[in-house]
Amino acid sequence: MTRTEKLIESQQFAIKVLEEKAVKTKSRIGKVEIESHLEQLRSTLVSLVNFNANQETKP
């Protein structure tokens, strides 16, 4: 497993944990903060997946 793949796995886990926390959080402000963090994590995940795909297609 490459370093990028490990980072992707880590991002996916962080997203899963935060999504579970968002469901349990009763505070509206807390939910907004969690959603903000989730957006950042998802954006980073997309970048990592794209980077990994580009690395795999290089000769």
C-alpha atoms as a PDB file:
ATOM      1  CA  MET A   1       0.000   0.000   0.000  1.00  0.00           C
ATOM      2  CA  THR A   2       1.411   3.353  -1.023  1.00  0.00           C
ATOM      3  CA  ARG A   3       1.615   6.398   1.210  1.00  0.00           C
ATOM      4  CA  THR A   4      -1.155   8.057  -0.796  1.00  0.00           C
ATOM      5  CA  GLU A   5      -3.419   5.036  -0.355  1.00  0.00           C
ATOM      6  CA  LYS A   6      -2.804   5.154   3.405  1.00  0.00           C
ATOM      7  CA  LEU A   7      -3.718   8.853   3.416  1.00  0.00           C
ATOM      8  CA  ILE A   8      -6.897   8.082   1.456  1.00  0.00           C
ATOM      9  CA  GLU A   9      -7.840   5.400   3.983  1.00  0.00           C
ATOM     10  CA  SER A  10      -7.169   7.782   6.846  1.00  0.00           C
ATOM     11  CA  GLN A  11      -9.324  10.506   5.262  1.00  0.00           C
ATOM     12  CA  GLN A  12     -12.164   8.034   4.692  1.00  0.00           C
ATOM     13  CA  PHE A  13     -12.003   6.958   8.333  1.00  0.00           C
ATOM     14  CA  ALA A  14     -12.000  10.568   9.570  1.00  0.00           C
ATOM     15  CA  ILE A  15     -15.029  11.337   7.398  1.00  0.00           C
ATOM     16  CA  LYS A  16     -16.876   8.287   8.733  1.00  0.00           C
ATOM     17  CA  VAL A  17     -16.158   9.264  12.353  1.00  0.00           C
ATOM     18  CA  LEU A  18     -17.244  12.870  11.802  1.00  0.00           C
ATOM     19  CA  GLU A  19     -20.430  11.790  10.006  1.00  0.00           C
ATOM     20  CA  GLU A  20     -21.312   9.616  13.002  1.00  0.00           C
ATOM     21  CA  LYS A  21     -20.563  12.510  15.345  1.00  0.00           C
ATOM     22  CA  ALA A  22     -22.780  14.823  13.276  1.00  0.00           C
ATOM     23  CA  VAL A  23     -25.707  12.442  13.725  1.00  0.00           C
ATOM     24  CA  LYS A  24     -25.216  12.376  17.509  1.00  0.00           C
ATOM     25  CA  THR A  25     -24.634  16.117  17.929  1.00  0.00           C
ATOM     26  CA  LYS A  26     -27.703  17.981  19.089  1.00  0.00           C
ATOM     27  CA  SER A  27     -26.241  21.488  18.900  1.00  0.00           C
ATOM     28  CA  ARG A  28     -26.992  23.321  15.658  1.00  0.00           C
ATOM     29  CA  ILE A  29     -23.694  25.224  15.860  1.00  0.00           C
ATOM     30  CA  GLY A  30     -21.851  21.953  16.446  1.00  0.00           C
ATOM     31  CA  LYS A  31     -23.469  20.440  13.371  1.00  0.00           C
ATOM     32  CA  VAL A  32     -22.439  23.440  11.253  1.00  0.00           C
ATOM     33  CA  GLU A  33     -18.840  23.156  12.474  1.00  0.00           C
ATOM     34  CA  ILE A  34     -18.786  19.419  11.785  1.00  0.00           C
ATOM     35  CA  GLU A  35     -20.216  19.942   8.290  1.00  0.00           C
ATOM     36  CA  SER A  36     -17.498  22.517   7.614  1.00  0.00           C
ATOM     37  CA  HIS A  37     -14.808  20.038   8.644  1.00  0.00           C
ATOM     38  CA  LEU A  38     -16.474  17.326   6.559  1.00  0.00           C
ATOM     39  CA  GLU A  39     -16.393  19.551   3.472  1.00  0.00           C
ATOM     40  CA  GLN A  40     -12.669  20.122   3.974  1.00  0.00           C
ATOM     41  CA  LEU A  41     -11.996  16.412   4.479  1.00  0.00           C
ATOM     42  CA  ARG A  42     -14.030  15.450   1.417  1.00  0.00           C
ATOM     43  CA  SER A  43     -12.200  18.024  -0.688  1.00  0.00           C
ATOM     44  CA  THR A  44      -8.848  16.676   0.483  1.00  0.00           C
ATOM     45  CA  LEU A  45     -10.031  13.128  -0.199  1.00  0.00           C
ATOM     46  CA  VAL A  46     -10.980  14.015  -3.779  1.00  0.00           C
ATOM     47  CA  SER A  47      -7.557  15.596  -4.293  1.00  0.00           C
ATOM     48  CA  LEU A  48      -5.799  12.523  -2.911  1.00  0.00           C
ATOM     49  CA  VAL A  49      -7.828  10.152  -5.075  1.00  0.00           C
ATOM     50  CA  ASN A  50      -7.085  12.236  -8.168  1.00  0.00           C
ATOM     51  CA  PHE A  51      -3.388  12.417  -7.282  1.00  0.00           C
ATOM     52  CA  ASN A  52      -3.280   8.658  -6.759  1.00  0.00           C
ATOM     53  CA  ALA A  53      -5.007   8.030 -10.093  1.00  0.00           C
ATOM     54  CA  ASN A  54      -2.497  10.289 -11.857  1.00  0.00           C
ATOM     55  CA  GLN A  55       0.412   8.450 -10.232  1.00  0.00           C
ATOM     56  CA  GLU A  56      -0.937   5.090 -11.380  1.00  0.00           C
ATOM     57  CA  THR A  57      -1.227   6.227 -14.998  1.00  0.00           C
ATOM     58  CA  LYS A  58       2.344   7.524 -15.197  1.00  0.00           C
ATOM     59  CA  PRO A  59       4.741   5.168 -16.950  1.00  0.00           C
END
